[in-house]
Amino acid sequence: QVQLVESEGGSVQAGGSLRLSCAASGVTRSGYCMAWFRQAPGKEREGVADIYVGGVSTYYADSVKGRFTISQDNAKNTLYLQMNSLKPEDTAMYYCAAARGFCGRPPAHDFFPYWGQGTQVTVSS
């Protein structure tokens, strides 16, 4: 059974950095796509970044390209999202997600059956 547990988010000022982590159990070393999504109040859930477990190919939404980095530590079964140069518009609830199969680009939320509990990221101006 797949379980995803995210670290606490946080509050930072614009221009600051945060790193989110997602501890994954039940996800094999390959055969899974893992992704980060975010959802701001009143907005649709947006696929921010994804990566194929054991692979190197990544996807980033245009809104975060060059500022966010998705990575994985297979030994720890942990997914990360390093967020730099944060902007107020990055404020949202962030979720990690997992699905068996190859990553579709952009990631579609209905492709992912497994979700973390969500963690709040707030960026103040």
C-alpha atoms as a PDB file:
ATOM      1  CA  GLN A   1       0.000   0.000   0.000  1.00  0.00           C
ATOM      2  CA  VAL A   2       1.351   3.398  -0.983  1.00  0.00           C
ATOM      3  CA  GLN A   3       1.526   6.071   1.688  1.00  0.00           C
ATOM      4  CA  LEU A   4       2.845   9.585   1.213  1.00  0.00           C
ATOM      5  CA  VAL A   5       3.703  11.841   4.144  1.00  0.00           C
ATOM      6  CA  GLU A   6       4.762  15.405   3.509  1.00  0.00           C
ATOM      7  CA  SER A   7       6.922  17.579   5.690  1.00  0.00           C
ATOM      8  CA  GLU A   8       5.624  20.805   7.146  1.00  0.00           C
ATOM      9  CA  GLY A   9       5.543  23.746   4.782  1.00  0.00           C
ATOM     10  CA  GLY A  10       6.054  27.174   6.165  1.00  0.00           C
ATOM     11  CA  SER A  11       5.842  30.905   5.779  1.00  0.00           C
ATOM     12  CA  VAL A  12       8.553  32.946   4.107  1.00  0.00           C
ATOM     13  CA  GLN A  13       8.986  36.360   2.620  1.00  0.00           C
ATOM     14  CA  ALA A  14       9.153  36.866  -1.096  1.00  0.00           C
ATOM     15  CA  GLY A  15      12.549  35.873  -2.442  1.00  0.00           C
ATOM     16  CA  GLY A  16      13.041  33.245   0.221  1.00  0.00           C
ATOM     17  CA  SER A  17      13.427  29.485  -0.083  1.00  0.00           C
ATOM     18  CA  LEU A  18      11.733  26.392   1.282  1.00  0.00           C
ATOM     19  CA  ARG A  19      12.257  22.689   0.769  1.00  0.00           C
ATOM     20  CA  LEU A  20       9.370  20.278   0.935  1.00  0.00           C
ATOM     21  CA  SER A  21       9.867  16.564   1.391  1.00  0.00           C
ATOM     22  CA  CYS A  22       7.542  13.636   0.872  1.00  0.00           C
ATOM     23  CA  ALA A  23       8.321  10.289   2.491  1.00  0.00           C
ATOM     24  CA  ALA A  24       6.941   7.522   0.325  1.00  0.00           C
ATOM     25  CA  SER A  25       6.293   3.946   1.405  1.00  0.00           C
ATOM     26  CA  GLY A  26       5.102   1.240  -0.922  1.00  0.00           C
ATOM     27  CA  VAL A  27       6.602   2.944  -3.976  1.00  0.00           C
ATOM     28  CA  THR A  28       9.010   0.685  -5.813  1.00  0.00           C
ATOM     29  CA  ARG A  29      12.312   1.920  -7.169  1.00  0.00           C
ATOM     30  CA  SER A  30      10.922   2.188 -10.646  1.00  0.00           C
ATOM     31  CA  GLY A  31       7.572   2.063 -12.314  1.00  0.00           C
ATOM     32  CA  TYR A  32       6.124   5.085 -10.586  1.00  0.00           C
ATOM     33  CA  CYS A  33       5.682   8.705 -11.485  1.00  0.00           C
ATOM     34  CA  MET A  34       5.846  11.120  -8.575  1.00  0.00           C
ATOM     35  CA  ALA A  35       4.719  14.704  -8.694  1.00  0.00           C
ATOM     36  CA  TRP A  36       4.101  17.852  -6.744  1.00  0.00           C
ATOM     37  CA  PHE A  37       0.817  19.680  -7.146  1.00  0.00           C
ATOM     38  CA  ARG A  38      -0.445  22.859  -5.563  1.00  0.00           C
ATOM     39  CA  GLN A  39      -3.820  24.405  -5.054  1.00  0.00           C
ATOM     40  CA  ALA A  40      -4.533  27.978  -4.071  1.00  0.00           C
ATOM     41  CA  PRO A  41      -7.956  29.020  -2.731  1.00  0.00           C
ATOM     42  CA  GLY A  42     -10.458  29.306  -5.535  1.00  0.00           C
ATOM     43  CA  LYS A  43      -8.080  27.853  -8.108  1.00  0.00           C
ATOM     44  CA  GLU A  44      -7.704  24.474  -9.767  1.00  0.00           C
ATOM     45  CA  ARG A  45      -5.050  22.034  -8.630  1.00  0.00           C
ATOM     46  CA  GLU A  46      -1.909  22.651 -10.681  1.00  0.00           C
ATOM     47  CA  GLY A  47       0.816  20.164 -11.501  1.00  0.00           C
ATOM     48  CA  VAL A  48       4.042  21.900 -10.506  1.00  0.00           C
ATOM     49  CA  ALA A  49       6.695  19.265 -11.221  1.00  0.00           C
ATOM     50  CA  ASP A  50       7.083  15.556 -11.767  1.00  0.00           C
ATOM     51  CA  ILE A  51       9.789  12.902 -12.016  1.00  0.00           C
ATOM     52  CA  TYR A  52       9.870   9.230 -12.898  1.00  0.00           C
ATOM     53  CA  VAL A  53      11.158   7.183  -9.955  1.00  0.00           C
ATOM     54  CA  GLY A  54      14.657   6.018 -10.793  1.00  0.00           C
ATOM     55  CA  GLY A  55      14.818   8.301 -13.796  1.00  0.00           C
ATOM     56  CA  VAL A  56      16.233  11.736 -14.449  1.00  0.00           C
ATOM     57  CA  SER A  57      13.688  13.322 -16.734  1.00  0.00           C
ATOM     58  CA  THR A  58      11.701  16.039 -15.007  1.00  0.00           C
ATOM     59  CA  TYR A  59       8.837  18.351 -15.822  1.00  0.00           C
ATOM     60  CA  TYR A  60       8.165  21.835 -14.497  1.00  0.00           C
ATOM     61  CA  ALA A  61       5.248  24.137 -14.979  1.00  0.00           C
ATOM     62  CA  ASP A  62       6.211  27.380 -16.673  1.00  0.00           C
ATOM     63  CA  SER A  63       5.251  29.273 -13.537  1.00  0.00           C
ATOM     64  CA  VAL A  64       8.037  27.618 -11.512  1.00  0.00           C
ATOM     65  CA  LYS A  65      10.654  26.781 -14.131  1.00  0.00           C
ATOM     66  CA  GLY A  66      14.098  27.961 -13.083  1.00  0.00           C
ATOM     67  CA  ARG A  67      13.016  28.444  -9.461  1.00  0.00           C
ATOM     68  CA  PHE A  68      11.840  25.003  -8.291  1.00  0.00           C
ATOM     69  CA  THR A  69      13.738  21.724  -8.410  1.00  0.00           C
ATOM     70  CA  ILE A  70      12.218  18.282  -7.956  1.00  0.00           C
ATOM     71  CA  SER A  71      14.526  15.505  -6.828  1.00  0.00           C
ATOM     72  CA  GLN A  72      14.440  12.092  -5.237  1.00  0.00           C
ATOM     73  CA  ASP A  73      16.519  10.099  -2.803  1.00  0.00           C
ATOM     74  CA  ASN A  74      15.768   6.493  -3.644  1.00  0.00           C
ATOM     75  CA  ALA A  75      17.701   5.182  -0.645  1.00  0.00           C
ATOM     76  CA  LYS A  76      15.376   7.131   1.633  1.00  0.00           C
ATOM     77  CA  ASN A  77      12.270   6.754  -0.537  1.00  0.00           C
ATOM     78  CA  THR A  78      11.853  10.495  -0.334  1.00  0.00           C
ATOM     79  CA  LEU A  79      10.769  13.073  -2.871  1.00  0.00           C
ATOM     80  CA  TYR A  80      11.828  16.699  -2.531  1.00  0.00           C
ATOM     81  CA  LEU A  81      10.776  20.042  -3.913  1.00  0.00           C
ATOM     82  CA  GLN A  82      13.341  22.799  -3.489  1.00  0.00           C
ATOM     83  CA  MET A  83      11.644  26.157  -3.948  1.00  0.00           C
ATOM     84  CA  ASN A  84      13.786  29.246  -4.457  1.00  0.00           C
ATOM     85  CA  SER A  85      12.960  32.860  -5.271  1.00  0.00           C
ATOM     86  CA  LEU A  86       9.490  32.360  -3.886  1.00  0.00           C
ATOM     87  CA  LYS A  87       6.743  34.748  -4.900  1.00  0.00           C
ATOM     88  CA  PRO A  88       3.422  35.585  -3.216  1.00  0.00           C
ATOM     89  CA  GLU A  89       1.648  33.779  -6.056  1.00  0.00           C
ATOM     90  CA  ASP A  90       3.366  30.552  -4.948  1.00  0.00           C
ATOM     91  CA  THR A  91       1.163  30.604  -1.854  1.00  0.00           C
ATOM     92  CA  ALA A  92      -0.884  27.405  -1.894  1.00  0.00           C
ATOM     93  CA  MET A  93      -1.424  24.011  -0.366  1.00  0.00           C
ATOM     94  CA  TYR A  94       1.202  21.687  -1.802  1.00  0.00           C
ATOM     95  CA  TYR A  95       0.629  17.978  -2.323  1.00  0.00           C
ATOM     96  CA  CYS A  96       2.867  15.139  -3.380  1.00  0.00           C
ATOM     97  CA  ALA A  97       1.306  12.423  -5.489  1.00  0.00           C
ATOM     98  CA  ALA A  98       2.268   9.043  -6.908  1.00  0.00           C
ATOM     99  CA  ALA A  99       0.978   6.880  -9.717  1.00  0.00           C
ATOM    100  CA  ARG A 100       2.115   3.667 -11.322  1.00  0.00           C
ATOM    101  CA  GLY A 101       3.285   4.290 -14.852  1.00  0.00           C
ATOM    102  CA  PHE A 102       5.130   6.857 -16.884  1.00  0.00           C
ATOM    103  CA  CYS A 103       4.740  10.537 -16.205  1.00  0.00           C
ATOM    104  CA  GLY A 104       2.422  12.439 -18.476  1.00  0.00           C
ATOM    105  CA  ARG A 105       3.437  16.011 -19.108  1.00  0.00           C
ATOM    106  CA  PRO A 106       1.887  18.145 -17.763  1.00  0.00           C
ATOM    107  CA  PRO A 107       0.845  15.900 -14.883  1.00  0.00           C
ATOM    108  CA  ALA A 108      -2.910  15.398 -14.641  1.00  0.00           C
ATOM    109  CA  HIS A 109      -4.293  15.164 -11.144  1.00  0.00           C
ATOM    110  CA  ASP A 110      -6.786  12.419 -12.072  1.00  0.00           C
ATOM    111  CA  PHE A 111      -3.868  10.168 -13.133  1.00  0.00           C
ATOM    112  CA  PHE A 112      -2.632   9.996  -9.531  1.00  0.00           C
ATOM    113  CA  PRO A 113      -4.437   7.697  -7.083  1.00  0.00           C
ATOM    114  CA  TYR A 114      -2.068   8.307  -4.170  1.00  0.00           C
ATOM    115  CA  TRP A 115      -1.814  11.657  -2.388  1.00  0.00           C
ATOM    116  CA  GLY A 116      -0.146  13.140   0.631  1.00  0.00           C
ATOM    117  CA  GLN A 117      -2.088  15.089   3.206  1.00  0.00           C
ATOM    118  CA  GLY A 118      -0.994  18.465   1.873  1.00  0.00           C
ATOM    119  CA  THR A 119       1.201  21.127   3.401  1.00  0.00           C
ATOM    120  CA  GLN A 120       0.697  24.899   3.413  1.00  0.00           C
ATOM    121  CA  VAL A 121       3.230  27.253   1.871  1.00  0.00           C
ATOM    122  CA  THR A 122       2.673  30.973   2.433  1.00  0.00           C
ATOM    123  CA  VAL A 123       4.794  33.651   0.792  1.00  0.00           C
ATOM    124  CA  SER A 124       4.381  37.215   1.972  1.00  0.00           C
ATOM    125  CA  SER A 125       5.343  40.269  -0.007  1.00  0.00           C
END
